[in-house]
Amino acid sequence: MVSTSDFRKGLKIEHEGEPYLIVDFVHYKPGKGGAFVRATVKNLINGKTVEITWRSGEKVKRPDLEEKEFQYLYREGDAFNFMDNGTYEQVTINQDQLGLAGDYMKENAVYRLMSFNGKVISVEPPMFMELEIIETEPGIRGDTVTGGSKPAILETGKRVMVPLFVNQGEVIRVDTRTADYLERV
């Protein structure tokens, strides 16, 4: 249990049987009546953001969340198969459960899976990934690092902007949080 006076951004709580992430919160002390806390929270299962109000000092449950690293094995239709490298246990996840990680699914890469009460609710890709460019316009002589950017399609199907000097077939490092090009590998 956690008290509303211990709320902070990024804290995970349980409300009405579902896990939430605190995005923002404010303590109010009106002239009349008791103090209260109003928090903007994001549902970790469906991604919806709502505002919830509690009396100051009220206790809130912590969710039964478990985060583990799993290796992505292969895709079978709309199902993605992962394996725990420690126990060799395999987990199958639907495409709609992947969220933004679906743009970065590369075989044998390690992903962080979050489960709530034994059910996987989110997949998080590594922060930086090395991916091959499968399609982009060819670089032209004279293109420089500061010259601009062009669209490129990565091996996972994700479309990113890369500098003009980067060519098809090259491997680049991408920040998966922002989909930004970082460097050639």
N, C-alpha and C. Protein backbone atom coordinates (compact mmCIF):
# COMPACT_ATOMS: atom_id res chain seq x y z
N MET A 1 0.84 -1.19 0.00
CA MET A 1 0.00 0.00 0.00
C MET A 1 0.88 1.24 0.00
N VAL A 2 0.44 2.25 -0.69
CA VAL A 2 1.17 3.51 -0.76
C VAL A 2 0.18 4.63 -0.46
N SER A 3 0.64 5.61 0.30
CA SER A 3 -0.21 6.75 0.67
C SER A 3 -0.20 7.78 -0.45
N THR A 4 -1.28 8.55 -0.55
CA THR A 4 -1.34 9.60 -1.57
C THR A 4 -0.27 10.67 -1.33
N SER A 5 0.21 10.79 -0.10
CA SER A 5 1.27 11.76 0.17
C SER A 5 2.62 11.30 -0.41
N ASP A 6 2.72 10.00 -0.78
CA ASP A 6 3.94 9.47 -1.38
C ASP A 6 3.88 9.42 -2.91
N PHE A 7 2.83 9.97 -3.51
CA PHE A 7 2.70 9.96 -4.97
C PHE A 7 3.87 10.71 -5.60
N ARG A 8 4.33 10.20 -6.74
CA ARG A 8 5.34 10.88 -7.55
C ARG A 8 5.12 10.43 -9.00
N LYS A 9 5.62 11.20 -9.94
CA LYS A 9 5.49 10.84 -11.35
C LYS A 9 6.22 9.53 -11.60
N GLY A 10 5.57 8.65 -12.37
CA GLY A 10 6.17 7.36 -12.69
C GLY A 10 5.80 6.24 -11.74
N LEU A 11 5.13 6.56 -10.63
CA LEU A 11 4.72 5.53 -9.67
C LEU A 11 3.59 4.71 -10.27
N LYS A 12 3.63 3.40 -10.07
CA LYS A 12 2.58 2.52 -10.58
C LYS A 12 1.66 2.15 -9.42
N ILE A 13 0.36 2.33 -9.64
CA ILE A 13 -0.64 2.04 -8.62
C ILE A 13 -1.75 1.18 -9.21
N GLU A 14 -2.58 0.62 -8.33
CA GLU A 14 -3.75 -0.15 -8.77
C GLU A 14 -5.00 0.59 -8.33
N HIS A 15 -5.94 0.76 -9.27
CA HIS A 15 -7.20 1.43 -8.98
C HIS A 15 -8.32 0.65 -9.64
N GLU A 16 -9.30 0.23 -8.87
CA GLU A 16 -10.44 -0.55 -9.36
C GLU A 16 -9.98 -1.78 -10.14
N GLY A 17 -8.92 -2.44 -9.63
CA GLY A 17 -8.47 -3.70 -10.20
C GLY A 17 -7.60 -3.60 -11.45
N GLU A 18 -7.20 -2.38 -11.84
CA GLU A 18 -6.36 -2.21 -13.02
C GLU A 18 -5.11 -1.41 -12.67
N PRO A 19 -3.98 -1.70 -13.34
CA PRO A 19 -2.74 -0.97 -13.06
C PRO A 19 -2.71 0.37 -13.79
N TYR A 20 -2.20 1.38 -13.10
CA TYR A 20 -2.07 2.73 -13.66
C TYR A 20 -0.67 3.27 -13.39
N LEU A 21 -0.25 4.19 -14.25
CA LEU A 21 1.01 4.91 -14.09
C LEU A 21 0.67 6.36 -13.82
N ILE A 22 1.25 6.94 -12.76
CA ILE A 22 0.97 8.35 -12.45
C ILE A 22 1.76 9.23 -13.41
N VAL A 23 1.04 10.01 -14.22
CA VAL A 23 1.66 10.91 -15.19
C VAL A 23 1.91 12.27 -14.54
N ASP A 24 0.95 12.73 -13.74
CA ASP A 24 1.06 14.02 -13.06
C ASP A 24 0.11 14.00 -11.86
N PHE A 25 0.41 14.82 -10.86
CA PHE A 25 -0.48 14.89 -9.70
C PHE A 25 -0.33 16.26 -9.04
N VAL A 26 -1.38 16.65 -8.30
CA VAL A 26 -1.38 17.93 -7.59
C VAL A 26 -2.06 17.73 -6.24
N HIS A 27 -1.45 18.26 -5.16
CA HIS A 27 -2.08 18.27 -3.84
C HIS A 27 -2.87 19.56 -3.71
N TYR A 28 -4.15 19.46 -3.34
CA TYR A 28 -4.99 20.63 -3.14
C TYR A 28 -5.34 20.76 -1.66
N LYS A 29 -5.27 21.97 -1.14
CA LYS A 29 -5.66 22.27 0.24
C LYS A 29 -6.63 23.44 0.17
N PRO A 30 -7.92 23.14 -0.04
CA PRO A 30 -8.89 24.24 -0.14
C PRO A 30 -9.11 24.92 1.22
N GLY A 31 -9.68 26.09 1.19
CA GLY A 31 -9.96 26.83 2.41
C GLY A 31 -10.92 26.10 3.31
N LYS A 32 -11.94 25.48 2.73
CA LYS A 32 -12.91 24.70 3.49
C LYS A 32 -12.72 23.23 3.14
N GLY A 33 -12.96 22.36 4.08
CA GLY A 33 -12.90 20.93 3.82
C GLY A 33 -11.49 20.38 3.89
N GLY A 34 -11.39 19.08 3.66
CA GLY A 34 -10.10 18.41 3.76
C GLY A 34 -9.29 18.49 2.48
N ALA A 35 -8.00 18.27 2.61
CA ALA A 35 -7.11 18.28 1.46
C ALA A 35 -7.35 17.04 0.60
N PHE A 36 -7.02 17.15 -0.68
CA PHE A 36 -7.15 16.01 -1.57
C PHE A 36 -6.06 16.04 -2.62
N VAL A 37 -5.90 14.90 -3.30
CA VAL A 37 -4.89 14.75 -4.34
C VAL A 37 -5.61 14.40 -5.63
N ARG A 38 -5.31 15.15 -6.69
CA ARG A 38 -5.88 14.86 -8.01
C ARG A 38 -4.72 14.42 -8.89
N ALA A 39 -4.83 13.21 -9.45
CA ALA A 39 -3.74 12.66 -10.27
C ALA A 39 -4.23 12.33 -11.67
N THR A 40 -3.38 12.63 -12.63
CA THR A 40 -3.61 12.20 -14.01
C THR A 40 -2.87 10.89 -14.15
N VAL A 41 -3.59 9.83 -14.47
CA VAL A 41 -3.00 8.49 -14.54
C VAL A 41 -3.27 7.85 -15.89
N LYS A 42 -2.34 6.99 -16.31
CA LYS A 42 -2.47 6.27 -17.59
C LYS A 42 -2.68 4.80 -17.29
N ASN A 43 -3.74 4.24 -17.86
CA ASN A 43 -4.04 2.83 -17.69
C ASN A 43 -2.98 2.03 -18.44
N LEU A 44 -2.31 1.10 -17.76
CA LEU A 44 -1.24 0.33 -18.39
C LEU A 44 -1.76 -0.79 -19.28
N ILE A 45 -3.04 -1.09 -19.22
CA ILE A 45 -3.60 -2.14 -20.07
C ILE A 45 -4.10 -1.56 -21.39
N ASN A 46 -4.92 -0.51 -21.33
CA ASN A 46 -5.50 0.03 -22.57
C ASN A 46 -4.91 1.37 -22.99
N GLY A 47 -4.04 1.97 -22.17
CA GLY A 47 -3.36 3.21 -22.55
C GLY A 47 -4.17 4.48 -22.38
N LYS A 48 -5.39 4.39 -21.88
CA LYS A 48 -6.22 5.59 -21.71
C LYS A 48 -5.76 6.40 -20.50
N THR A 49 -5.85 7.71 -20.62
CA THR A 49 -5.46 8.62 -19.53
C THR A 49 -6.72 9.21 -18.90
N VAL A 50 -6.78 9.16 -17.56
CA VAL A 50 -7.92 9.70 -16.82
C VAL A 50 -7.42 10.47 -15.60
N GLU A 51 -8.32 11.27 -15.01
CA GLU A 51 -8.02 11.97 -13.76
C GLU A 51 -8.78 11.30 -12.63
N ILE A 52 -8.08 11.06 -11.52
CA ILE A 52 -8.71 10.44 -10.35
C ILE A 52 -8.39 11.30 -9.14
N THR A 53 -9.37 11.44 -8.23
CA THR A 53 -9.19 12.24 -7.03
C THR A 53 -9.29 11.35 -5.79
N TRP A 54 -8.34 11.54 -4.85
CA TRP A 54 -8.34 10.83 -3.57
C TRP A 54 -8.25 11.84 -2.45
N ARG A 55 -8.75 11.47 -1.27
CA ARG A 55 -8.54 12.30 -0.09
C ARG A 55 -7.08 12.22 0.31
N SER A 56 -6.53 13.27 0.84
CA SER A 56 -5.13 13.29 1.25
C SER A 56 -4.89 12.25 2.34
N GLY A 57 -3.83 11.46 2.20
CA GLY A 57 -3.50 10.43 3.18
C GLY A 57 -4.14 9.09 2.91
N GLU A 58 -5.04 9.02 1.93
CA GLU A 58 -5.70 7.76 1.60
C GLU A 58 -4.67 6.76 1.05
N LYS A 59 -4.88 5.48 1.32
CA LYS A 59 -3.96 4.43 0.88
C LYS A 59 -4.43 3.83 -0.45
N VAL A 60 -3.46 3.53 -1.33
CA VAL A 60 -3.74 2.95 -2.63
C VAL A 60 -2.87 1.71 -2.80
N LYS A 61 -3.42 0.66 -3.41
CA LYS A 61 -2.67 -0.58 -3.62
C LYS A 61 -1.61 -0.42 -4.70
N ARG A 62 -0.53 -1.18 -4.55
CA ARG A 62 0.47 -1.29 -5.61
C ARG A 62 0.07 -2.49 -6.48
N PRO A 63 0.19 -2.37 -7.80
CA PRO A 63 -0.22 -3.49 -8.66
C PRO A 63 0.79 -4.64 -8.62
N ASP A 64 0.29 -5.83 -8.93
CA ASP A 64 1.14 -7.01 -8.99
C ASP A 64 1.77 -7.08 -10.38
N LEU A 65 2.78 -6.22 -10.61
CA LEU A 65 3.44 -6.14 -11.91
C LEU A 65 4.76 -6.90 -11.86
N GLU A 66 5.07 -7.58 -12.96
CA GLU A 66 6.34 -8.27 -13.06
C GLU A 66 6.96 -7.91 -14.41
N GLU A 67 8.22 -7.48 -14.39
CA GLU A 67 8.93 -7.16 -15.63
C GLU A 67 10.06 -8.16 -15.80
N LYS A 68 10.11 -8.78 -16.98
CA LYS A 68 11.14 -9.77 -17.28
C LYS A 68 11.62 -9.56 -18.71
N GLU A 69 12.86 -9.98 -18.95
CA GLU A 69 13.41 -9.90 -20.30
C GLU A 69 13.16 -11.22 -21.03
N PHE A 70 12.66 -11.09 -22.26
CA PHE A 70 12.38 -12.24 -23.10
C PHE A 70 13.03 -12.02 -24.46
N GLN A 71 13.45 -13.10 -25.09
CA GLN A 71 14.04 -13.04 -26.42
C GLN A 71 12.93 -13.28 -27.44
N TYR A 72 12.87 -12.42 -28.47
CA TYR A 72 11.88 -12.59 -29.53
C TYR A 72 12.36 -13.69 -30.46
N LEU A 73 11.51 -14.71 -30.68
CA LEU A 73 11.90 -15.85 -31.50
C LEU A 73 11.41 -15.73 -32.94
N TYR A 74 10.08 -15.69 -33.13
CA TYR A 74 9.54 -15.67 -34.48
C TYR A 74 8.09 -15.21 -34.47
N ARG A 75 7.60 -14.89 -35.68
CA ARG A 75 6.22 -14.46 -35.86
C ARG A 75 5.45 -15.56 -36.57
N GLU A 76 4.21 -15.76 -36.12
CA GLU A 76 3.34 -16.77 -36.72
C GLU A 76 1.98 -16.12 -36.94
N GLY A 77 1.77 -15.53 -38.12
CA GLY A 77 0.54 -14.78 -38.39
C GLY A 77 0.54 -13.50 -37.57
N ASP A 78 -0.49 -13.33 -36.72
CA ASP A 78 -0.57 -12.16 -35.83
C ASP A 78 0.01 -12.44 -34.46
N ALA A 79 0.60 -13.64 -34.27
CA ALA A 79 1.16 -14.02 -32.97
C ALA A 79 2.68 -13.89 -33.00
N PHE A 80 3.22 -13.32 -31.92
CA PHE A 80 4.66 -13.15 -31.76
C PHE A 80 5.11 -14.03 -30.60
N ASN A 81 6.14 -14.84 -30.83
CA ASN A 81 6.60 -15.80 -29.83
C ASN A 81 7.89 -15.33 -29.18
N PHE A 82 7.89 -15.32 -27.84
CA PHE A 82 9.03 -14.90 -27.04
C PHE A 82 9.45 -16.04 -26.13
N MET A 83 10.74 -16.02 -25.69
CA MET A 83 11.24 -17.06 -24.80
C MET A 83 12.03 -16.42 -23.65
N ASP A 84 11.78 -16.91 -22.44
CA ASP A 84 12.56 -16.52 -21.27
C ASP A 84 13.86 -17.31 -21.33
N ASN A 85 15.01 -16.61 -21.43
CA ASN A 85 16.30 -17.29 -21.57
C ASN A 85 16.70 -18.06 -20.32
N GLY A 86 16.14 -17.73 -19.17
CA GLY A 86 16.47 -18.44 -17.94
C GLY A 86 15.74 -19.76 -17.80
N THR A 87 14.42 -19.73 -18.06
CA THR A 87 13.60 -20.93 -17.85
C THR A 87 13.20 -21.61 -19.15
N TYR A 88 13.47 -20.98 -20.29
CA TYR A 88 13.08 -21.47 -21.63
C TYR A 88 11.57 -21.55 -21.80
N GLU A 89 10.84 -20.85 -20.94
CA GLU A 89 9.39 -20.77 -21.05
C GLU A 89 9.05 -19.87 -22.25
N GLN A 90 8.07 -20.29 -23.06
CA GLN A 90 7.69 -19.49 -24.22
C GLN A 90 6.35 -18.82 -23.98
N VAL A 91 6.24 -17.59 -24.50
CA VAL A 91 5.02 -16.79 -24.36
C VAL A 91 4.62 -16.31 -25.74
N THR A 92 3.33 -16.36 -26.05
CA THR A 92 2.82 -15.87 -27.33
C THR A 92 2.00 -14.61 -27.07
N ILE A 93 2.27 -13.59 -27.88
CA ILE A 93 1.60 -12.30 -27.71
C ILE A 93 0.96 -11.89 -29.02
N ASN A 94 -0.27 -11.35 -28.95
CA ASN A 94 -0.95 -10.86 -30.15
C ASN A 94 -0.36 -9.54 -30.60
N GLN A 95 -0.55 -9.22 -31.87
CA GLN A 95 0.00 -8.00 -32.44
C GLN A 95 -0.54 -6.75 -31.75
N ASP A 96 -1.81 -6.75 -31.34
CA ASP A 96 -2.39 -5.58 -30.69
C ASP A 96 -1.81 -5.33 -29.30
N GLN A 97 -1.19 -6.35 -28.68
CA GLN A 97 -0.56 -6.17 -27.36
C GLN A 97 0.84 -5.55 -27.47
N LEU A 98 1.42 -5.55 -28.66
CA LEU A 98 2.78 -5.05 -28.83
C LEU A 98 2.87 -3.53 -28.70
N GLY A 99 1.84 -2.83 -29.14
CA GLY A 99 1.89 -1.37 -29.10
C GLY A 99 2.99 -0.84 -30.02
N LEU A 100 3.75 0.14 -29.54
CA LEU A 100 4.80 0.76 -30.34
C LEU A 100 5.99 -0.17 -30.58
N ALA A 101 6.13 -1.20 -29.77
CA ALA A 101 7.23 -2.15 -29.95
C ALA A 101 7.09 -2.92 -31.26
N GLY A 102 5.89 -2.97 -31.82
CA GLY A 102 5.66 -3.67 -33.07
C GLY A 102 6.50 -3.15 -34.22
N ASP A 103 6.93 -1.89 -34.13
CA ASP A 103 7.77 -1.29 -35.18
C ASP A 103 9.22 -1.76 -35.08
N TYR A 104 9.58 -2.43 -34.01
CA TYR A 104 10.97 -2.80 -33.78
C TYR A 104 11.15 -4.29 -33.49
N MET A 105 10.33 -5.14 -34.07
CA MET A 105 10.43 -6.57 -33.81
C MET A 105 11.50 -7.19 -34.68
N LYS A 106 12.61 -7.58 -34.06
CA LYS A 106 13.74 -8.20 -34.75
C LYS A 106 14.06 -9.51 -34.06
N GLU A 107 14.14 -10.58 -34.84
CA GLU A 107 14.39 -11.90 -34.25
C GLU A 107 15.68 -11.92 -33.46
N ASN A 108 15.64 -12.64 -32.34
CA ASN A 108 16.76 -12.83 -31.39
C ASN A 108 17.08 -11.60 -30.55
N ALA A 109 16.37 -10.51 -30.72
CA ALA A 109 16.57 -9.33 -29.86
C ALA A 109 15.86 -9.58 -28.53
N VAL A 110 16.33 -8.92 -27.47
CA VAL A 110 15.76 -9.09 -26.13
C VAL A 110 14.83 -7.92 -25.82
N TYR A 111 13.62 -8.23 -25.39
CA TYR A 111 12.59 -7.23 -25.09
C TYR A 111 12.16 -7.39 -23.64
N ARG A 112 11.66 -6.29 -23.05
CA ARG A 112 11.18 -6.31 -21.67
C ARG A 112 9.66 -6.42 -21.71
N LEU A 113 9.13 -7.52 -21.11
CA LEU A 113 7.69 -7.75 -21.06
C LEU A 113 7.17 -7.47 -19.66
N MET A 114 6.09 -6.71 -19.57
CA MET A 114 5.47 -6.41 -18.28
C MET A 114 4.18 -7.20 -18.18
N SER A 115 4.01 -7.94 -17.07
CA SER A 115 2.79 -8.70 -16.85
C SER A 115 2.07 -8.20 -15.61
N PHE A 116 0.75 -8.25 -15.68
CA PHE A 116 -0.11 -7.89 -14.56
C PHE A 116 -0.94 -9.11 -14.23
N ASN A 117 -0.79 -9.63 -13.01
CA ASN A 117 -1.48 -10.84 -12.56
C ASN A 117 -1.26 -12.00 -13.54
N GLY A 118 -0.03 -12.14 -14.05
CA GLY A 118 0.32 -13.25 -14.93
C GLY A 118 0.00 -13.06 -16.39
N LYS A 119 -0.61 -11.93 -16.77
CA LYS A 119 -0.98 -11.69 -18.17
C LYS A 119 -0.11 -10.56 -18.72
N VAL A 120 0.53 -10.77 -19.87
CA VAL A 120 1.40 -9.76 -20.48
C VAL A 120 0.55 -8.58 -20.92
N ILE A 121 0.95 -7.36 -20.47
CA ILE A 121 0.20 -6.16 -20.83
C ILE A 121 1.00 -5.19 -21.70
N SER A 122 2.35 -5.34 -21.71
CA SER A 122 3.13 -4.46 -22.58
C SER A 122 4.47 -5.07 -22.93
N VAL A 123 4.99 -4.63 -24.07
CA VAL A 123 6.30 -5.06 -24.57
C VAL A 123 7.12 -3.80 -24.82
N GLU A 124 8.33 -3.79 -24.29
CA GLU A 124 9.20 -2.62 -24.47
C GLU A 124 10.47 -3.06 -25.20
N PRO A 125 10.76 -2.43 -26.35
CA PRO A 125 11.98 -2.80 -27.09
C PRO A 125 13.22 -2.25 -26.38
N PRO A 126 14.41 -2.74 -26.78
CA PRO A 126 15.63 -2.15 -26.23
C PRO A 126 15.67 -0.66 -26.57
N MET A 127 16.36 0.14 -25.76
CA MET A 127 16.41 1.58 -25.97
C MET A 127 17.04 1.94 -27.32
N PHE A 128 18.10 1.21 -27.70
CA PHE A 128 18.78 1.44 -28.97
C PHE A 128 18.86 0.12 -29.71
N MET A 129 18.57 0.16 -31.02
CA MET A 129 18.63 -1.05 -31.83
C MET A 129 19.44 -0.79 -33.08
N GLU A 130 20.16 -1.81 -33.52
CA GLU A 130 20.91 -1.74 -34.77
C GLU A 130 20.10 -2.45 -35.84
N LEU A 131 19.67 -1.68 -36.85
CA LEU A 131 18.78 -2.21 -37.88
C LEU A 131 19.31 -1.85 -39.27
N GLU A 132 19.06 -2.74 -40.21
CA GLU A 132 19.51 -2.53 -41.59
C GLU A 132 18.49 -1.73 -42.37
N ILE A 133 18.99 -0.86 -43.25
CA ILE A 133 18.12 -0.08 -44.13
C ILE A 133 17.85 -0.94 -45.36
N ILE A 134 16.57 -1.21 -45.63
CA ILE A 134 16.25 -2.03 -46.80
C ILE A 134 15.81 -1.20 -47.99
N GLU A 135 15.42 0.06 -47.73
CA GLU A 135 15.00 0.90 -48.85
C GLU A 135 15.22 2.37 -48.53
N THR A 136 15.94 3.06 -49.41
CA THR A 136 16.11 4.50 -49.32
C THR A 136 16.68 5.00 -50.63
N GLU A 137 16.56 6.27 -50.89
CA GLU A 137 17.14 6.84 -52.11
C GLU A 137 18.66 6.79 -51.99
N PRO A 138 19.36 6.62 -53.10
CA PRO A 138 20.83 6.57 -53.03
C PRO A 138 21.41 7.92 -52.64
N GLY A 139 22.58 7.87 -51.96
CA GLY A 139 23.28 9.09 -51.59
C GLY A 139 23.93 9.71 -52.82
N ILE A 140 24.03 11.00 -52.85
CA ILE A 140 24.62 11.72 -53.98
C ILE A 140 25.93 12.33 -53.53
N ARG A 141 26.92 12.31 -54.40
CA ARG A 141 28.22 12.88 -54.08
C ARG A 141 28.05 14.34 -53.65
N GLY A 142 28.69 14.69 -52.55
CA GLY A 142 28.58 16.04 -52.03
C GLY A 142 27.63 16.14 -50.85
N ASP A 143 26.85 15.07 -50.60
CA ASP A 143 25.96 15.08 -49.43
C ASP A 143 26.82 15.10 -48.17
N THR A 144 26.48 15.93 -47.22
CA THR A 144 27.26 16.04 -46.00
C THR A 144 26.43 15.66 -44.80
N VAL A 145 27.09 15.58 -43.67
CA VAL A 145 26.41 15.21 -42.43
C VAL A 145 25.33 16.23 -42.09
N THR A 146 25.57 17.50 -42.32
CA THR A 146 24.61 18.53 -41.95
C THR A 146 23.67 18.90 -43.09
N GLY A 147 23.71 18.15 -44.19
CA GLY A 147 22.98 18.51 -45.39
C GLY A 147 21.49 18.34 -45.36
N GLY A 148 20.92 17.52 -44.51
CA GLY A 148 19.48 17.31 -44.50
C GLY A 148 19.17 15.85 -44.22
N SER A 149 17.95 15.45 -44.55
CA SER A 149 17.57 14.07 -44.28
C SER A 149 16.62 13.56 -45.35
N LYS A 150 16.48 12.23 -45.38
CA LYS A 150 15.61 11.57 -46.34
C LYS A 150 14.95 10.38 -45.63
N PRO A 151 13.80 9.91 -46.15
CA PRO A 151 13.13 8.77 -45.52
C PRO A 151 13.85 7.46 -45.85
N ALA A 152 13.81 6.52 -44.90
CA ALA A 152 14.38 5.19 -45.10
C ALA A 152 13.47 4.17 -44.42
N ILE A 153 13.39 2.98 -45.01
CA ILE A 153 12.60 1.90 -44.42
C ILE A 153 13.57 0.88 -43.86
N LEU A 154 13.37 0.53 -42.58
CA LEU A 154 14.26 -0.41 -41.89
C LEU A 154 13.79 -1.85 -42.11
N GLU A 155 14.62 -2.81 -41.71
CA GLU A 155 14.30 -4.24 -41.89
C GLU A 155 13.03 -4.65 -41.15
N THR A 156 12.63 -3.90 -40.13
CA THR A 156 11.41 -4.21 -39.39
C THR A 156 10.17 -3.59 -40.01
N GLY A 157 10.37 -2.76 -41.05
CA GLY A 157 9.25 -2.07 -41.69
C GLY A 157 9.05 -0.66 -41.18
N LYS A 158 9.76 -0.26 -40.15
CA LYS A 158 9.65 1.08 -39.58
C LYS A 158 10.26 2.10 -40.54
N ARG A 159 9.58 3.24 -40.70
CA ARG A 159 10.06 4.33 -41.56
C ARG A 159 10.69 5.40 -40.66
N VAL A 160 11.96 5.74 -40.93
CA VAL A 160 12.67 6.77 -40.16
C VAL A 160 13.35 7.74 -41.11
N MET A 161 13.75 8.88 -40.57
CA MET A 161 14.49 9.88 -41.35
C MET A 161 15.98 9.68 -41.06
N VAL A 162 16.78 9.62 -42.15
CA VAL A 162 18.23 9.43 -42.01
C VAL A 162 18.95 10.53 -42.78
N PRO A 163 20.23 10.79 -42.47
CA PRO A 163 21.00 11.78 -43.23
C PRO A 163 21.15 11.36 -44.69
N LEU A 164 21.41 12.32 -45.55
CA LEU A 164 21.50 12.06 -46.98
C LEU A 164 22.61 11.09 -47.36
N PHE A 165 23.68 11.03 -46.58
CA PHE A 165 24.82 10.18 -46.94
C PHE A 165 24.62 8.70 -46.63
N VAL A 166 23.58 8.34 -45.90
CA VAL A 166 23.32 6.94 -45.53
C VAL A 166 22.67 6.23 -46.72
N ASN A 167 23.15 5.01 -47.02
CA ASN A 167 22.67 4.27 -48.19
C ASN A 167 21.94 2.99 -47.82
N GLN A 168 21.23 2.44 -48.80
CA GLN A 168 20.53 1.17 -48.65
C GLN A 168 21.55 0.07 -48.33
N GLY A 169 21.18 -0.87 -47.43
CA GLY A 169 22.06 -1.97 -47.07
C GLY A 169 22.93 -1.67 -45.87
N GLU A 170 23.01 -0.42 -45.44
CA GLU A 170 23.82 -0.07 -44.27
C GLU A 170 23.05 -0.36 -42.99
N VAL A 171 23.78 -0.62 -41.92
CA VAL A 171 23.18 -0.86 -40.60
C VAL A 171 23.34 0.42 -39.79
N ILE A 172 22.23 0.87 -39.19
CA ILE A 172 22.26 2.10 -38.39
C ILE A 172 21.75 1.81 -36.98
N ARG A 173 22.08 2.69 -36.05
CA ARG A 173 21.58 2.61 -34.68
C ARG A 173 20.43 3.60 -34.57
N VAL A 174 19.30 3.12 -34.01
CA VAL A 174 18.08 3.92 -33.88
C VAL A 174 17.67 3.98 -32.42
N ASP A 175 17.23 5.16 -31.96
CA ASP A 175 16.66 5.32 -30.62
C ASP A 175 15.19 4.93 -30.73
N THR A 176 14.78 3.83 -30.07
CA THR A 176 13.42 3.33 -30.22
C THR A 176 12.38 4.19 -29.51
N ARG A 177 12.81 5.06 -28.59
CA ARG A 177 11.84 5.92 -27.90
C ARG A 177 11.36 7.04 -28.80
N THR A 178 12.23 7.54 -29.69
CA THR A 178 11.90 8.68 -30.53
C THR A 178 11.94 8.39 -32.01
N ALA A 179 12.40 7.18 -32.40
CA ALA A 179 12.58 6.78 -33.80
C ALA A 179 13.59 7.67 -34.51
N ASP A 180 14.59 8.15 -33.78
CA ASP A 180 15.63 9.00 -34.35
C ASP A 180 16.84 8.19 -34.78
N TYR A 181 17.43 8.58 -35.90
CA TYR A 181 18.70 8.01 -36.36
C TYR A 181 19.79 8.52 -35.41
N LEU A 182 20.70 7.62 -34.98
CA LEU A 182 21.80 8.02 -34.10
C LEU A 182 23.14 8.00 -34.81
N GLU A 183 23.44 6.86 -35.48
CA GLU A 183 24.73 6.73 -36.17
C GLU A 183 24.74 5.50 -37.04
N ARG A 184 25.74 5.45 -37.93
CA ARG A 184 25.98 4.24 -38.71
C ARG A 184 26.77 3.27 -37.85
N VAL A 185 26.57 1.99 -38.07
CA VAL A 185 27.31 0.98 -37.30
C VAL A 185 28.37 0.37 -38.18
